[in-house]
Amino acid sequence: MIDKLDLCTKALGLRKELGEDTTSPIDIFSLAHTIAKLTIVFYPMGDHLSGMCIKNGGNPVIAVNSSMSVGRQRFSMAHELYHLYFDENKQTTVSAIKIGIGDDTEKAADRFASYFLMPPVALSESIKKMHNISTEILGIKEIVKLEQYFGVSRQALLYRLIEDNKLTIQQADQFRQGVIRSAVNLGYDDSLYKPLPEDKQYKTYGYYIQQAEELLQKDLISIGKYEQLLLTAFRPDLVYGDEFEGGELND
């Protein structure tokens, strides 16, 4: 049986451990970059997988399906953080794209991810501020505002609202279609609902890149080996300088 209070405590505790408060929306990928020895890989994994976590003897790798929407990727990252920090049974996990399915561990990871991105007090207060007073039912305006505020996909938000008894399954179903149009029609940017640009769907960040650079600086590998390591990690930009042409931008 899933202990929701325990998962909430874990989620809020990890936020604090990583230097965040327990209520504000977060940039989860920037936060993940602060985790020691973590390598983050973005890779298009198709229509069935959301991500994976490989603990790798203290040099963990988290891979995220970059063909999903950005909002869904954020949820996947939080899901994999549960496996990294709290899943003691598995050294490697592969997670399904659909939220709320699988064994108890996968369901716990989804619940943890939801709490991590949308802390209960913050979500409750946000709903109170925007409730349609005349009906006390969340409408499309409130749904879009919530997912934009917390930076999550429609699937992730509806999952949480159903779990918290804020919506019935039938009420939630009416919001599952026309997701991008509903946001754009309300004046929002649509990037939350789309995948990363194609040139960023294959990328590796974090410890792997740092280690390759350190090995080169210490003359432990040749420049050829260094470039090979980077190309293997989908970083031709660091080999050929594609992203740096034109010089530095004014800040």
C-alpha atoms as a PDB file:
ATOM      1  CA  MET A   1       0.000   0.000   0.000  1.00  0.00           C
ATOM      2  CA  ILE A   2       1.308   3.435  -0.970  1.00  0.00           C
ATOM      3  CA  ASP A   3       1.908   5.783   1.962  1.00  0.00           C
ATOM      4  CA  LYS A   4       1.018   9.186   0.526  1.00  0.00           C
ATOM      5  CA  LEU A   5       2.164  11.088   3.602  1.00  0.00           C
ATOM      6  CA  ASP A   6       5.558   9.391   3.504  1.00  0.00           C
ATOM      7  CA  LEU A   7       5.952  10.174  -0.195  1.00  0.00           C
ATOM      8  CA  CYS A   8       5.001  13.792   0.372  1.00  0.00           C
ATOM      9  CA  THR A   9       7.541  14.028   3.186  1.00  0.00           C
ATOM     10  CA  LYS A  10      10.217  12.532   0.945  1.00  0.00           C
ATOM     11  CA  ALA A  11       9.388  14.918  -1.905  1.00  0.00           C
ATOM     12  CA  LEU A  12       9.454  18.034   0.247  1.00  0.00           C
ATOM     13  CA  GLY A  13      12.565  16.807   2.038  1.00  0.00           C
ATOM     14  CA  LEU A  14      14.455  16.322  -1.223  1.00  0.00           C
ATOM     15  CA  ARG A  15      13.404  19.769  -2.423  1.00  0.00           C
ATOM     16  CA  LYS A  16      14.929  21.263   0.713  1.00  0.00           C
ATOM     17  CA  GLU A  17      18.046  19.095   0.416  1.00  0.00           C
ATOM     18  CA  LEU A  18      18.566  20.437  -3.098  1.00  0.00           C
ATOM     19  CA  GLY A  19      18.154  24.020  -1.933  1.00  0.00           C
ATOM     20  CA  GLU A  20      14.511  24.717  -2.801  1.00  0.00           C
ATOM     21  CA  ASP A  21      11.617  25.770  -0.600  1.00  0.00           C
ATOM     22  CA  THR A  22       8.541  23.583  -0.167  1.00  0.00           C
ATOM     23  CA  THR A  23       6.036  25.613  -2.158  1.00  0.00           C
ATOM     24  CA  SER A  24       7.462  27.390  -5.216  1.00  0.00           C
ATOM     25  CA  PRO A  25       7.471  26.076  -8.803  1.00  0.00           C
ATOM     26  CA  ILE A  26      10.909  24.767  -9.688  1.00  0.00           C
ATOM     27  CA  ASP A  27      13.185  24.359 -12.694  1.00  0.00           C
ATOM     28  CA  ILE A  28      13.766  20.670 -12.139  1.00  0.00           C
ATOM     29  CA  PHE A  29      16.501  20.275 -14.751  1.00  0.00           C
ATOM     30  CA  SER A  30      18.557  23.119 -13.322  1.00  0.00           C
ATOM     31  CA  LEU A  31      18.058  21.527  -9.917  1.00  0.00           C
ATOM     32  CA  ALA A  32      19.169  18.130 -11.209  1.00  0.00           C
ATOM     33  CA  HIS A  33      22.407  19.658 -12.461  1.00  0.00           C
ATOM     34  CA  THR A  34      23.347  20.358  -8.834  1.00  0.00           C
ATOM     35  CA  ILE A  35      23.273  16.644  -7.946  1.00  0.00           C
ATOM     36  CA  ALA A  36      26.812  15.335  -7.543  1.00  0.00           C
ATOM     37  CA  LYS A  37      28.061  12.891 -10.189  1.00  0.00           C
ATOM     38  CA  LEU A  38      24.716  12.789 -12.028  1.00  0.00           C
ATOM     39  CA  THR A  39      24.697  12.429 -15.798  1.00  0.00           C
ATOM     40  CA  ILE A  40      21.514  13.455 -17.607  1.00  0.00           C
ATOM     41  CA  VAL A  41      20.764  12.086 -21.060  1.00  0.00           C
ATOM     42  CA  PHE A  42      18.020  13.311 -23.370  1.00  0.00           C
ATOM     43  CA  TYR A  43      17.089  10.709 -25.966  1.00  0.00           C
ATOM     44  CA  PRO A  44      13.915  10.017 -27.966  1.00  0.00           C
ATOM     45  CA  MET A  45      12.650   6.687 -26.634  1.00  0.00           C
ATOM     46  CA  GLY A  46       9.459   6.276 -28.620  1.00  0.00           C
ATOM     47  CA  ASP A  47       5.865   6.125 -27.478  1.00  0.00           C
ATOM     48  CA  HIS A  48       6.061   3.717 -24.551  1.00  0.00           C
ATOM     49  CA  LEU A  49       8.917   4.786 -22.271  1.00  0.00           C
ATOM     50  CA  SER A  50       9.256   8.012 -20.280  1.00  0.00           C
ATOM     51  CA  GLY A  51      12.749   7.529 -18.881  1.00  0.00           C
ATOM     52  CA  MET A  52      15.184   5.374 -16.978  1.00  0.00           C
ATOM     53  CA  CYS A  53      17.484   5.536 -13.977  1.00  0.00           C
ATOM     54  CA  ILE A  54      20.785   3.673 -13.723  1.00  0.00           C
ATOM     55  CA  LYS A  55      22.466   3.998 -10.326  1.00  0.00           C
ATOM     56  CA  ASN A  56      25.823   2.884 -11.724  1.00  0.00           C
ATOM     57  CA  GLY A  57      27.730   2.467  -8.479  1.00  0.00           C
ATOM     58  CA  GLY A  58      27.383   6.056  -7.308  1.00  0.00           C
ATOM     59  CA  ASN A  59      27.755   7.645 -10.759  1.00  0.00           C
ATOM     60  CA  PRO A  60      24.080   7.667 -11.696  1.00  0.00           C
ATOM     61  CA  VAL A  61      22.575   8.249 -15.101  1.00  0.00           C
ATOM     62  CA  ILE A  62      19.044   9.503 -15.640  1.00  0.00           C
ATOM     63  CA  ALA A  63      17.707   9.360 -19.180  1.00  0.00           C
ATOM     64  CA  VAL A  64      14.583  11.241 -20.245  1.00  0.00           C
ATOM     65  CA  ASN A  65      12.492  10.628 -23.341  1.00  0.00           C
ATOM     66  CA  SER A  66      13.069  13.843 -25.271  1.00  0.00           C
ATOM     67  CA  SER A  67      10.276  13.107 -27.733  1.00  0.00           C
ATOM     68  CA  MET A  68       7.700  13.746 -25.003  1.00  0.00           C
ATOM     69  CA  SER A  69       6.401  17.220 -24.245  1.00  0.00           C
ATOM     70  CA  VAL A  70       8.606  19.425 -22.070  1.00  0.00           C
ATOM     71  CA  GLY A  71       5.986  19.302 -19.305  1.00  0.00           C
ATOM     72  CA  ARG A  72       5.975  15.525 -19.397  1.00  0.00           C
ATOM     73  CA  GLN A  73       9.780  15.432 -19.391  1.00  0.00           C
ATOM     74  CA  ARG A  74       9.805  17.472 -16.197  1.00  0.00           C
ATOM     75  CA  PHE A  75       7.505  14.925 -14.554  1.00  0.00           C
ATOM     76  CA  SER A  76       9.666  12.075 -15.824  1.00  0.00           C
ATOM     77  CA  MET A  77      12.764  13.677 -14.309  1.00  0.00           C
ATOM     78  CA  ALA A  78      11.045  13.934 -10.927  1.00  0.00           C
ATOM     79  CA  HIS A  79       9.864  10.331 -11.257  1.00  0.00           C
ATOM     80  CA  GLU A  80      13.421   9.132 -11.869  1.00  0.00           C
ATOM     81  CA  LEU A  81      14.678  11.119  -8.875  1.00  0.00           C
ATOM     82  CA  TYR A  82      12.465   8.899  -6.733  1.00  0.00           C
ATOM     83  CA  HIS A  83      14.201   5.821  -8.122  1.00  0.00           C
ATOM     84  CA  LEU A  84      17.606   7.421  -7.600  1.00  0.00           C
ATOM     85  CA  TYR A  85      17.074   8.460  -3.991  1.00  0.00           C
ATOM     86  CA  PHE A  86      14.430   6.146  -2.556  1.00  0.00           C
ATOM     87  CA  ASP A  87      14.085   2.956  -4.605  1.00  0.00           C
ATOM     88  CA  GLU A  88      16.296   0.515  -2.714  1.00  0.00           C
ATOM     89  CA  ASN A  89      15.226  -2.573  -4.653  1.00  0.00           C
ATOM     90  CA  LYS A  90      16.470  -1.795  -8.142  1.00  0.00           C
ATOM     91  CA  GLN A  91      19.752  -0.555  -9.569  1.00  0.00           C
ATOM     92  CA  THR A  92      18.185   0.072 -12.969  1.00  0.00           C
ATOM     93  CA  THR A  93      14.614   1.076 -13.703  1.00  0.00           C
ATOM     94  CA  VAL A  94      12.767   1.732 -16.949  1.00  0.00           C
ATOM     95  CA  SER A  95       9.560   3.727 -16.626  1.00  0.00           C
ATOM     96  CA  ALA A  96       6.399   3.639 -18.732  1.00  0.00           C
ATOM     97  CA  ILE A  97       5.067   6.746 -20.416  1.00  0.00           C
ATOM     98  CA  LYS A  98       1.580   6.444 -18.919  1.00  0.00           C
ATOM     99  CA  ILE A  99       1.257   7.890 -15.429  1.00  0.00           C
ATOM    100  CA  GLY A 100      -0.288   5.882 -12.616  1.00  0.00           C
ATOM    101  CA  ILE A 101       0.316   2.367 -13.934  1.00  0.00           C
ATOM    102  CA  GLY A 102       2.772  -0.392 -13.088  1.00  0.00           C
ATOM    103  CA  ASP A 103       3.716  -1.915  -9.760  1.00  0.00           C
ATOM    104  CA  ASP A 104       3.590  -0.148  -6.406  1.00  0.00           C
ATOM    105  CA  THR A 105       7.104   1.236  -6.857  1.00  0.00           C
ATOM    106  CA  GLU A 106       6.196   2.879 -10.164  1.00  0.00           C
ATOM    107  CA  LYS A 107       2.987   4.262  -8.705  1.00  0.00           C
ATOM    108  CA  ALA A 108       4.922   5.586  -5.710  1.00  0.00           C
ATOM    109  CA  ALA A 109       7.428   7.251  -8.050  1.00  0.00           C
ATOM    110  CA  ASP A 110       4.573   8.954  -9.900  1.00  0.00           C
ATOM    111  CA  ARG A 111       3.011  10.175  -6.679  1.00  0.00           C
ATOM    112  CA  PHE A 112       6.414  11.400  -5.465  1.00  0.00           C
ATOM    113  CA  ALA A 113       6.994  13.247  -8.750  1.00  0.00           C
ATOM    114  CA  SER A 114       3.630  14.923  -8.444  1.00  0.00           C
ATOM    115  CA  TYR A 115       4.374  16.109  -4.912  1.00  0.00           C
ATOM    116  CA  PHE A 116       7.871  17.188  -5.903  1.00  0.00           C
ATOM    117  CA  LEU A 117       6.629  19.424  -8.725  1.00  0.00           C
ATOM    118  CA  MET A 118       3.298  20.421  -7.161  1.00  0.00           C
ATOM    119  CA  PRO A 119       3.611  20.485  -3.362  1.00  0.00           C
ATOM    120  CA  PRO A 120       0.196  19.933  -1.733  1.00  0.00           C
ATOM    121  CA  VAL A 121       0.007  23.290   0.036  1.00  0.00           C
ATOM    122  CA  ALA A 122       1.083  25.156  -3.087  1.00  0.00           C
ATOM    123  CA  LEU A 123      -1.426  23.324  -5.279  1.00  0.00           C
ATOM    124  CA  SER A 124      -4.243  23.787  -2.775  1.00  0.00           C
ATOM    125  CA  GLU A 125      -3.538  27.507  -2.394  1.00  0.00           C
ATOM    126  CA  SER A 126      -3.339  27.964  -6.161  1.00  0.00           C
ATOM    127  CA  ILE A 127      -6.707  26.284  -6.626  1.00  0.00           C
ATOM    128  CA  LYS A 128      -8.291  28.419  -3.917  1.00  0.00           C
ATOM    129  CA  LYS A 129      -7.085  31.591  -5.613  1.00  0.00           C
ATOM    130  CA  MET A 130      -8.479  30.717  -9.016  1.00  0.00           C
ATOM    131  CA  HIS A 131     -11.642  28.751  -8.261  1.00  0.00           C
ATOM    132  CA  ASN A 132     -14.704  29.655 -10.265  1.00  0.00           C
ATOM    133  CA  ILE A 133     -16.755  30.900  -7.324  1.00  0.00           C
ATOM    134  CA  SER A 134     -20.052  30.424  -9.132  1.00  0.00           C
ATOM    135  CA  THR A 135     -19.570  26.704  -9.728  1.00  0.00           C
ATOM    136  CA  GLU A 136     -16.600  25.681  -7.536  1.00  0.00           C
ATOM    137  CA  ILE A 137     -15.557  23.415 -10.424  1.00  0.00           C
ATOM    138  CA  LEU A 138     -12.214  23.691 -12.181  1.00  0.00           C
ATOM    139  CA  GLY A 139     -12.673  24.768 -15.787  1.00  0.00           C
ATOM    140  CA  ILE A 140     -10.268  24.892 -18.700  1.00  0.00           C
ATOM    141  CA  LYS A 141      -8.941  28.321 -17.687  1.00  0.00           C
ATOM    142  CA  GLU A 142      -7.976  27.022 -14.259  1.00  0.00           C
ATOM    143  CA  ILE A 143      -6.530  23.786 -15.671  1.00  0.00           C
ATOM    144  CA  VAL A 144      -4.260  25.616 -18.107  1.00  0.00           C
ATOM    145  CA  LYS A 145      -3.201  28.157 -15.490  1.00  0.00           C
ATOM    146  CA  LEU A 146      -2.234  25.390 -13.055  1.00  0.00           C
ATOM    147  CA  GLU A 147      -0.202  23.396 -15.565  1.00  0.00           C
ATOM    148  CA  GLN A 148       1.549  26.541 -16.747  1.00  0.00           C
ATOM    149  CA  TYR A 149       2.299  27.679 -13.210  1.00  0.00           C
ATOM    150  CA  PHE A 150       3.788  24.359 -12.115  1.00  0.00           C
ATOM    151  CA  GLY A 151       5.266  23.494 -15.513  1.00  0.00           C
ATOM    152  CA  VAL A 152       3.649  20.078 -15.905  1.00  0.00           C
ATOM    153  CA  SER A 153       1.861  18.267 -18.693  1.00  0.00           C
ATOM    154  CA  ARG A 154      -1.917  17.992 -18.879  1.00  0.00           C
ATOM    155  CA  GLN A 155      -1.621  14.276 -18.160  1.00  0.00           C
ATOM    156  CA  ALA A 156       0.395  14.922 -14.999  1.00  0.00           C
ATOM    157  CA  LEU A 157      -1.969  17.611 -13.741  1.00  0.00           C
ATOM    158  CA  LEU A 158      -5.155  15.628 -14.371  1.00  0.00           C
ATOM    159  CA  TYR A 159      -3.617  12.585 -12.686  1.00  0.00           C
ATOM    160  CA  ARG A 160      -2.975  14.648  -9.570  1.00  0.00           C
ATOM    161  CA  LEU A 161      -6.358  16.366  -9.519  1.00  0.00           C
ATOM    162  CA  ILE A 162      -8.105  13.000  -9.786  1.00  0.00           C
ATOM    163  CA  GLU A 163      -5.923  11.520  -7.034  1.00  0.00           C
ATOM    164  CA  ASP A 164      -6.709  14.500  -4.788  1.00  0.00           C
ATOM    165  CA  ASN A 165     -10.443  14.277  -5.547  1.00  0.00           C
ATOM    166  CA  LYS A 166     -10.451  17.702  -7.173  1.00  0.00           C
ATOM    167  CA  LEU A 167     -11.859  16.193 -10.366  1.00  0.00           C
ATOM    168  CA  THR A 168     -13.676  12.991 -11.209  1.00  0.00           C
ATOM    169  CA  ILE A 169     -12.367  10.843 -14.055  1.00  0.00           C
ATOM    170  CA  GLN A 170     -15.344  11.946 -16.137  1.00  0.00           C
ATOM    171  CA  GLN A 171     -14.666  15.623 -15.454  1.00  0.00           C
ATOM    172  CA  ALA A 172     -10.987  15.171 -16.274  1.00  0.00           C
ATOM    173  CA  ASP A 173     -11.719  13.436 -19.578  1.00  0.00           C
ATOM    174  CA  GLN A 174     -13.167  16.610 -21.066  1.00  0.00           C
ATOM    175  CA  PHE A 175      -9.765  18.296 -20.755  1.00  0.00           C
ATOM    176  CA  ARG A 176      -7.700  15.600 -22.489  1.00  0.00           C
ATOM    177  CA  GLN A 177      -8.337  16.789 -26.040  1.00  0.00           C
ATOM    178  CA  GLY A 178      -7.118  19.947 -27.748  1.00  0.00           C
ATOM    179  CA  VAL A 179      -4.458  20.552 -25.116  1.00  0.00           C
ATOM    180  CA  ILE A 180      -2.212  22.881 -27.105  1.00  0.00           C
ATOM    181  CA  ARG A 181      -5.103  24.835 -28.611  1.00  0.00           C
ATOM    182  CA  SER A 182      -6.670  25.373 -25.194  1.00  0.00           C
ATOM    183  CA  ALA A 183      -3.435  26.933 -23.906  1.00  0.00           C
ATOM    184  CA  VAL A 184      -2.759  29.037 -27.000  1.00  0.00           C
ATOM    185  CA  ASN A 185      -6.335  30.338 -27.055  1.00  0.00           C
ATOM    186  CA  LEU A 186      -5.807  31.582 -23.508  1.00  0.00           C
ATOM    187  CA  GLY A 187      -2.675  33.479 -24.519  1.00  0.00           C
ATOM    188  CA  TYR A 188       0.012  31.063 -23.332  1.00  0.00           C
ATOM    189  CA  ASP A 189       3.146  29.928 -25.137  1.00  0.00           C
ATOM    190  CA  ASP A 190       2.875  26.340 -26.371  1.00  0.00           C
ATOM    191  CA  SER A 191       6.447  25.181 -25.636  1.00  0.00           C
ATOM    192  CA  LEU A 192       5.353  23.308 -22.482  1.00  0.00           C
ATOM    193  CA  TYR A 193       3.263  20.975 -24.629  1.00  0.00           C
ATOM    194  CA  LYS A 194       5.852  20.191 -27.310  1.00  0.00           C
ATOM    195  CA  PRO A 195       9.061  18.127 -27.388  1.00  0.00           C
ATOM    196  CA  LEU A 196      12.490  19.700 -27.300  1.00  0.00           C
ATOM    197  CA  PRO A 197      13.748  21.053 -30.646  1.00  0.00           C
ATOM    198  CA  GLU A 198      15.247  18.300 -32.788  1.00  0.00           C
ATOM    199  CA  ASP A 199      18.803  19.566 -32.259  1.00  0.00           C
ATOM    200  CA  LYS A 200      18.384  19.123 -28.496  1.00  0.00           C
ATOM    201  CA  GLN A 201      16.649  15.738 -28.458  1.00  0.00           C
ATOM    202  CA  TYR A 202      20.015  13.932 -28.366  1.00  0.00           C
ATOM    203  CA  LYS A 203      22.122  15.462 -25.583  1.00  0.00           C
ATOM    204  CA  THR A 204      24.172  14.452 -22.563  1.00  0.00           C
ATOM    205  CA  TYR A 205      24.858  16.809 -19.675  1.00  0.00           C
ATOM    206  CA  GLY A 206      26.485  16.671 -16.279  1.00  0.00           C
ATOM    207  CA  TYR A 207      29.111  14.388 -14.813  1.00  0.00           C
ATOM    208  CA  TYR A 208      30.016  12.475 -17.982  1.00  0.00           C
ATOM    209  CA  ILE A 209      30.927  15.708 -19.772  1.00  0.00           C
ATOM    210  CA  GLN A 210      32.824  16.984 -16.736  1.00  0.00           C
ATOM    211  CA  GLN A 211      34.807  13.761 -16.496  1.00  0.00           C
ATOM    212  CA  ALA A 212      35.731  13.801 -20.172  1.00  0.00           C
ATOM    213  CA  GLU A 213      37.014  17.364 -19.800  1.00  0.00           C
ATOM    214  CA  GLU A 214      38.970  16.489 -16.658  1.00  0.00           C
ATOM    215  CA  LEU A 215      40.622  13.492 -18.301  1.00  0.00           C
ATOM    216  CA  LEU A 216      41.723  15.680 -21.195  1.00  0.00           C
ATOM    217  CA  GLN A 217      43.067  18.425 -18.948  1.00  0.00           C
ATOM    218  CA  LYS A 218      45.110  15.877 -17.004  1.00  0.00           C
ATOM    219  CA  ASP A 219      46.511  14.415 -20.248  1.00  0.00           C
ATOM    220  CA  LEU A 220      45.013  11.029 -19.386  1.00  0.00           C
ATOM    221  CA  ILE A 221      43.353  10.785 -22.805  1.00  0.00           C
ATOM    222  CA  SER A 222      44.186  12.125 -26.248  1.00  0.00           C
ATOM    223  CA  ILE A 223      42.195  14.849 -27.974  1.00  0.00           C
ATOM    224  CA  GLY A 224      40.955  12.156 -30.352  1.00  0.00           C
ATOM    225  CA  LYS A 225      39.644  10.029 -27.482  1.00  0.00           C
ATOM    226  CA  TYR A 226      38.112  13.119 -25.884  1.00  0.00           C
ATOM    227  CA  GLU A 227      36.237  13.945 -29.057  1.00  0.00           C
ATOM    228  CA  GLN A 228      35.130  10.340 -29.389  1.00  0.00           C
ATOM    229  CA  LEU A 229      33.685  10.413 -25.871  1.00  0.00           C
ATOM    230  CA  LEU A 230      31.795  13.611 -26.618  1.00  0.00           C
ATOM    231  CA  LEU A 231      30.436  12.370 -29.921  1.00  0.00           C
ATOM    232  CA  THR A 232      29.277   9.183 -28.215  1.00  0.00           C
ATOM    233  CA  ALA A 233      27.396  11.438 -25.768  1.00  0.00           C
ATOM    234  CA  PHE A 234      25.666  13.328 -28.606  1.00  0.00           C
ATOM    235  CA  ARG A 235      27.739  16.465 -28.078  1.00  0.00           C
ATOM    236  CA  PRO A 236      29.104  17.391 -31.512  1.00  0.00           C
ATOM    237  CA  ASP A 237      28.600  21.011 -30.451  1.00  0.00           C
ATOM    238  CA  LEU A 238      31.501  20.619 -28.005  1.00  0.00           C
ATOM    239  CA  VAL A 239      33.664  19.003 -30.672  1.00  0.00           C
ATOM    240  CA  TYR A 240      32.875  21.237 -33.634  1.00  0.00           C
ATOM    241  CA  GLY A 241      31.754  24.376 -31.807  1.00  0.00           C
ATOM    242  CA  ASP A 242      28.402  24.569 -33.583  1.00  0.00           C
ATOM    243  CA  GLU A 243      26.641  26.372 -30.765  1.00  0.00           C
ATOM    244  CA  PHE A 244      29.442  28.846 -30.173  1.00  0.00           C
ATOM    245  CA  GLU A 245      29.808  30.294 -33.659  1.00  0.00           C
ATOM    246  CA  GLY A 246      29.246  34.015 -33.709  1.00  0.00           C
ATOM    247  CA  GLY A 247      30.842  34.666 -30.316  1.00  0.00           C
ATOM    248  CA  GLU A 248      29.275  35.423 -26.974  1.00  0.00           C
ATOM    249  CA  LEU A 249      25.905  37.108 -26.685  1.00  0.00           C
ATOM    250  CA  ASN A 250      25.498  40.273 -24.673  1.00  0.00           C
ATOM    251  CA  ASP A 251      24.086  39.374 -21.272  1.00  0.00           C
END
